[in-house]
Protein backbone atom coordinates (compact mmCIF):
# COMPACT_ATOMS: atom_id res chain seq x y z
CA MET A 1 93.17 106.34 -194.69
CA LEU A 2 91.72 103.00 -195.79
CA ILE A 3 92.18 101.01 -198.96
CA HIS A 4 89.14 99.49 -200.64
CA PRO A 5 89.45 95.72 -200.15
CA GLN A 6 89.04 95.09 -203.90
CA ILE A 7 86.71 92.15 -203.44
CA ASP A 8 86.40 89.87 -206.44
CA PRO A 9 83.01 90.81 -207.98
CA VAL A 10 82.45 87.12 -208.80
CA ALA A 11 81.20 85.38 -205.68
CA LEU A 12 81.10 81.89 -207.18
CA GLN A 13 82.32 80.38 -210.44
CA LEU A 14 80.53 77.24 -211.62
CA GLY A 15 82.15 76.34 -214.92
CA PRO A 16 81.01 78.93 -217.45
CA LEU A 17 78.48 80.36 -214.98
CA SER A 18 79.62 83.36 -212.92
CA ILE A 19 77.57 84.37 -209.89
CA HIS A 20 78.33 87.97 -209.02
CA TRP A 21 78.06 89.56 -205.60
CA TYR A 22 75.97 92.36 -207.08
CA GLY A 23 73.43 89.87 -208.38
CA LEU A 24 73.32 88.21 -204.97
CA THR A 25 72.61 91.55 -203.29
CA TYR A 26 69.60 91.93 -205.59
CA LEU A 27 68.39 88.46 -204.60
CA VAL A 28 68.81 89.44 -200.93
CA ALA A 29 66.84 92.62 -201.59
CA PHE A 30 63.97 90.70 -203.20
CA GLY A 31 64.00 88.13 -200.41
CA LEU A 32 63.87 90.79 -197.70
CA PHE A 33 61.02 92.53 -199.50
CA PHE A 34 59.08 89.26 -199.62
CA LEU A 35 59.55 88.55 -195.90
CA LEU A 36 58.69 92.10 -194.85
CA ALA A 37 55.65 92.18 -197.12
CA LEU A 38 54.35 88.93 -195.57
CA ARG A 39 54.68 90.53 -192.17
CA ARG A 40 52.96 93.69 -193.37
CA LEU A 41 49.93 91.60 -194.34
CA ARG A 42 49.13 91.55 -190.61
CA HIS A 43 48.36 95.27 -190.66
CA PRO A 44 44.58 95.69 -190.15
CA THR A 45 44.20 97.66 -193.39
CA TYR A 46 45.56 94.81 -195.51
CA ALA A 47 44.16 92.01 -193.40
CA SER A 48 40.73 93.45 -194.20
CA LEU A 49 41.48 93.24 -197.94
CA GLY A 50 42.08 89.52 -197.63
CA TRP A 51 45.51 89.66 -199.24
CA GLY A 52 47.74 86.62 -198.88
CA ARG A 53 51.03 85.11 -199.93
CA ARG A 54 49.99 84.87 -203.59
CA ASP A 55 49.38 88.62 -203.71
CA VAL A 56 52.85 89.29 -202.30
CA GLU A 57 54.37 86.97 -204.89
CA ASP A 58 52.57 88.88 -207.66
CA LEU A 59 53.68 92.21 -206.20
CA LEU A 60 57.28 91.02 -206.20
CA PHE A 61 57.06 89.69 -209.75
CA PHE A 62 55.63 92.91 -211.16
CA GLY A 63 58.03 94.95 -209.06
CA VAL A 64 61.09 93.10 -210.38
CA LEU A 65 59.93 93.74 -213.95
CA GLY A 66 59.45 97.41 -213.14
CA ILE A 67 62.91 97.67 -211.58
CA ILE A 68 64.72 96.04 -214.50
CA ILE A 69 62.83 97.66 -217.38
CA GLY A 70 62.35 101.06 -215.75
CA GLY A 71 65.84 101.09 -214.26
CA ARG A 72 67.47 100.37 -217.62
CA LEU A 73 65.37 102.87 -219.57
CA GLY A 74 65.92 105.48 -216.87
CA TYR A 75 69.68 104.98 -217.07
CA VAL A 76 69.55 105.37 -220.84
CA LEU A 77 67.34 108.48 -220.81
CA PHE A 78 68.74 110.26 -217.75
CA TYR A 79 72.43 109.51 -217.97
CA ARG A 80 73.54 108.38 -221.47
CA PRO A 81 70.87 109.26 -224.07
CA LEU A 82 73.27 110.15 -226.93
CA GLU A 83 75.43 107.09 -226.39
CA PHE A 84 72.49 104.70 -226.63
CA LEU A 85 70.88 106.67 -229.45
CA ALA A 86 73.99 105.87 -231.49
CA ASP A 87 73.67 102.14 -230.65
CA PRO A 88 70.05 101.37 -229.62
CA LEU A 89 70.64 97.62 -229.34
CA ARG A 90 72.83 98.22 -226.28
CA ILE A 91 69.70 99.21 -224.36
CA VAL A 92 68.90 95.53 -223.79
CA ALA A 93 72.47 94.70 -222.70
CA VAL A 94 71.64 94.87 -218.99
CA TRP A 95 74.51 92.49 -218.22
CA GLU A 96 76.89 95.36 -218.98
CA GLY A 97 75.50 97.24 -215.97
CA GLY A 98 73.66 100.51 -215.80
CA LEU A 99 70.41 100.83 -213.84
CA SER A 100 68.93 104.08 -212.57
CA PHE A 101 67.10 104.14 -209.25
CA HIS A 102 64.76 106.90 -210.41
CA GLY A 103 63.96 105.01 -213.62
CA GLY A 104 63.37 101.83 -211.62
CA PHE A 105 61.16 103.82 -209.25
CA ILE A 106 58.97 104.98 -212.13
CA GLY A 107 58.89 101.42 -213.45
CA VAL A 108 57.73 100.11 -210.07
CA LEU A 109 55.01 102.77 -209.86
CA LEU A 110 53.66 101.68 -213.24
CA ALA A 111 53.90 98.01 -212.24
CA MET A 112 51.97 98.73 -209.03
CA ALA A 113 49.35 100.62 -211.04
CA TRP A 114 48.86 97.47 -213.13
CA PHE A 115 48.63 95.33 -210.00
CA ALA A 116 46.08 97.72 -208.50
CA TYR A 117 44.02 97.62 -211.68
CA ARG A 118 44.05 93.82 -211.72
CA ARG A 119 43.05 93.63 -208.04
CA ARG A 120 40.51 96.49 -208.29
CA VAL A 121 42.12 98.34 -205.40
CA ASN A 122 43.29 101.94 -205.04
CA TRP A 123 46.81 102.43 -206.43
CA LEU A 124 47.91 104.38 -203.34
CA ARG A 125 46.76 101.52 -201.15
CA VAL A 126 49.30 99.34 -202.97
CA THR A 127 52.14 101.87 -202.78
CA ASP A 128 51.41 102.42 -199.08
CA PHE A 129 51.80 98.67 -198.62
CA ILE A 130 55.15 98.30 -200.35
CA ALA A 131 56.81 101.57 -199.26
CA PRO A 132 58.15 100.37 -195.86
CA CYS A 133 59.41 97.12 -197.42
CA VAL A 134 61.63 98.80 -200.03
CA PRO A 135 64.45 100.70 -198.22
CA ILE A 136 66.20 97.70 -196.68
CA GLY A 137 66.52 96.25 -200.19
CA LEU A 138 68.02 99.53 -201.37
CA ALA A 139 70.63 99.17 -198.63
CA SER A 140 71.51 95.73 -199.97
CA GLY A 141 72.01 97.15 -203.45
CA ARG A 142 74.36 99.85 -202.13
CA ILE A 143 76.40 97.19 -200.39
CA GLY A 144 76.71 95.60 -203.82
CA ASN A 145 78.03 98.90 -205.20
CA PHE A 146 80.61 98.98 -202.42
CA ILE A 147 81.73 95.41 -203.06
CA ASN A 148 82.18 96.27 -206.74
CA GLY A 149 84.14 99.40 -205.84
CA GLU A 150 81.84 101.53 -208.02
CA LEU A 151 79.90 104.76 -207.55
CA TRP A 152 82.53 105.96 -205.10
CA GLY A 153 82.41 109.26 -203.27
CA ARG A 154 84.03 112.62 -203.74
CA VAL A 155 87.57 113.33 -202.58
CA ALA A 156 87.63 113.52 -198.78
CA ASP A 157 89.78 115.35 -196.28
CA PRO A 158 92.96 113.26 -195.82
CA THR A 159 92.34 113.28 -192.07
CA LEU A 160 88.95 111.58 -192.42
CA PRO A 161 89.41 108.27 -190.54
CA TRP A 162 87.23 106.30 -192.96
CA GLY A 163 88.44 108.01 -196.14
CA MET A 164 89.06 105.27 -198.68
CA VAL A 165 91.17 104.87 -201.81
CA PHE A 166 89.21 103.12 -204.57
CA ARG A 167 90.79 101.31 -207.48
CA GLY A 168 90.41 103.42 -210.62
CA ALA A 169 89.63 106.59 -208.66
CA GLY A 170 93.17 107.88 -208.19
CA ASP A 171 95.36 107.94 -205.12
CA LEU A 172 93.33 110.36 -202.99
CA PRO A 173 91.00 109.15 -200.22
CA ARG A 174 87.32 109.41 -200.97
CA HIS A 175 84.06 109.19 -199.08
CA PRO A 176 82.65 105.62 -199.14
CA SER A 177 79.38 107.15 -200.30
CA GLN A 178 77.90 103.75 -201.11
CA LEU A 179 77.87 103.04 -197.37
CA TYR A 180 76.45 106.48 -196.61
CA GLN A 181 73.58 105.71 -198.96
CA ALA A 182 73.10 102.24 -197.51
CA LEU A 183 72.75 103.78 -194.06
CA LEU A 184 70.61 106.80 -195.01
CA GLU A 185 68.37 105.67 -197.89
CA GLY A 186 68.41 102.11 -196.65
CA LEU A 187 68.64 101.36 -192.95
CA LEU A 188 67.53 104.69 -191.47
CA LEU A 189 64.67 105.18 -193.92
CA PHE A 190 63.52 101.61 -193.31
CA VAL A 191 63.41 102.05 -189.53
CA LEU A 192 61.54 105.37 -189.78
CA LEU A 193 59.02 104.14 -192.34
CA TRP A 194 58.43 100.77 -190.71
CA LEU A 195 57.66 102.38 -187.37
CA TYR A 196 55.56 105.09 -188.96
CA ALA A 197 53.52 102.67 -191.05
CA ARG A 198 52.58 100.54 -188.04
CA GLY A 199 49.95 103.03 -186.95
CA PRO A 200 46.68 103.94 -188.68
CA ARG A 201 47.51 106.24 -191.60
CA SER A 202 45.46 108.03 -194.22
CA LEU A 203 45.52 106.79 -197.80
CA GLY A 204 48.74 107.95 -199.46
CA GLU A 205 50.42 109.08 -196.24
CA VAL A 206 53.01 106.29 -196.09
CA SER A 207 53.81 106.71 -199.78
CA ALA A 208 54.30 110.44 -199.20
CA ALA A 209 56.66 109.73 -196.31
CA PHE A 210 58.72 107.45 -198.55
CA LEU A 211 58.95 110.05 -201.31
CA MET A 212 60.04 112.81 -198.96
CA GLY A 213 62.35 110.57 -196.96
CA TYR A 214 64.14 108.96 -199.88
CA GLY A 215 64.38 112.20 -201.85
CA THR A 216 65.84 114.06 -198.87
CA PHE A 217 68.35 111.37 -197.89
CA ARG A 218 69.46 110.86 -201.51
CA PHE A 219 69.87 114.62 -201.95
CA ILE A 220 72.11 114.75 -198.87
CA ALA A 221 74.15 111.68 -199.84
CA GLU A 222 74.82 113.11 -203.30
CA PHE A 223 76.96 115.85 -201.73
CA PHE A 224 79.45 113.09 -200.88
CA ARG A 225 79.10 111.02 -204.06
CA GLU A 226 81.27 111.65 -207.11
CA PRO A 227 79.07 112.93 -209.97
CA ASP A 228 78.98 110.88 -213.14
CA ALA A 229 82.14 111.71 -215.08
CA HIS A 230 80.33 112.37 -218.37
CA LEU A 231 77.78 114.67 -216.69
CA GLY A 232 79.59 116.38 -213.84
CA LEU A 233 77.65 118.87 -211.77
CA LEU A 234 74.65 120.49 -213.43
CA GLY A 235 72.73 123.68 -212.68
CA LEU A 236 73.26 125.29 -209.25
CA GLY A 237 76.15 122.89 -208.66
CA LEU A 238 73.80 119.95 -208.15
CA SER A 239 74.25 116.44 -209.52
CA MET A 240 71.80 114.59 -211.72
CA GLY A 241 70.83 112.46 -208.71
CA GLN A 242 69.95 115.59 -206.76
CA TRP A 243 67.89 117.10 -209.58
CA LEU A 244 65.98 113.81 -209.91
CA SER A 245 65.40 113.67 -206.15
CA LEU A 246 63.89 117.14 -205.85
CA PRO A 247 60.66 116.19 -207.70
CA MET A 248 60.30 113.24 -205.33
CA VAL A 249 60.39 115.53 -202.30
CA LEU A 250 57.93 117.97 -203.89
CA ALA A 251 55.59 115.18 -204.98
CA GLY A 252 55.77 113.67 -201.49
CA ALA A 253 54.90 117.00 -199.88
CA ALA A 254 51.96 117.47 -202.27
CA LEU A 255 50.71 113.94 -201.62
CA TRP A 256 51.09 114.45 -197.87
CA GLY A 257 48.97 117.61 -198.05
CA TRP A 258 46.35 115.84 -200.15
CA ALA A 259 46.18 112.89 -197.73
CA HIS A 260 45.63 115.18 -194.76
CA ARG A 261 42.96 117.17 -196.59
CA GLN A 262 41.16 113.94 -197.39
CA GLN A 263 41.37 112.93 -193.75
CA ARG A 264 39.93 116.24 -192.52
CA SER A 265 37.11 116.16 -195.06
CA ALA A 266 36.25 112.59 -193.99
CA THR A 267 35.92 113.65 -190.35
């Protein structure tokens, strides 16, 4: 049995300014996205569009807005609607924490739709471009959760070698589910998508692979993650994260089928 190292969430204190590890993991995520997106510009599909560094910078800017606004609104609507309805001004208090991946995902989709409109390019062409660049940033965010000792896992078998006791979670060992998610939704999904996206793919195919891959890996990881205390397990014994992931898998499968039908009709 391991003990969570209880790392100080503040990485650097400069007078009144506190730089938190979690904020740094977000900066790492954005930096990795930028570098990977620059490399993805070499793909023949995007080289033919004439995209360059400025386009990647705009994608990142719009994406960050989508993550913050969508993530916060998603957290409010999906996880604590009554609490924020009683005090609406707390919605803008992002420094208190509370971002939802699924809300941020919707926010990014809308941001990419705006980018596509401005560039007069198909929306799916944009989402196909960014999809392989996203998972490694998600892994960075989960590392931030682990450093903060938050979003811990469910109680584990005491014999589990990597079972971990988290501060505030009682004395029983738990699954370090943040690391499971970093490995599944982050590293593994990145490797699979990056390799898959290197070849010639139909419009929407890479986006579909991301939807199915993330939704599936998140659904699996949620079996090891402690459900939100104020929600618990919902219908069929599934968590909110699992119920929000199921539509992603279904939408990915539908998009995959559509992409392949388009490919067959074109040939």
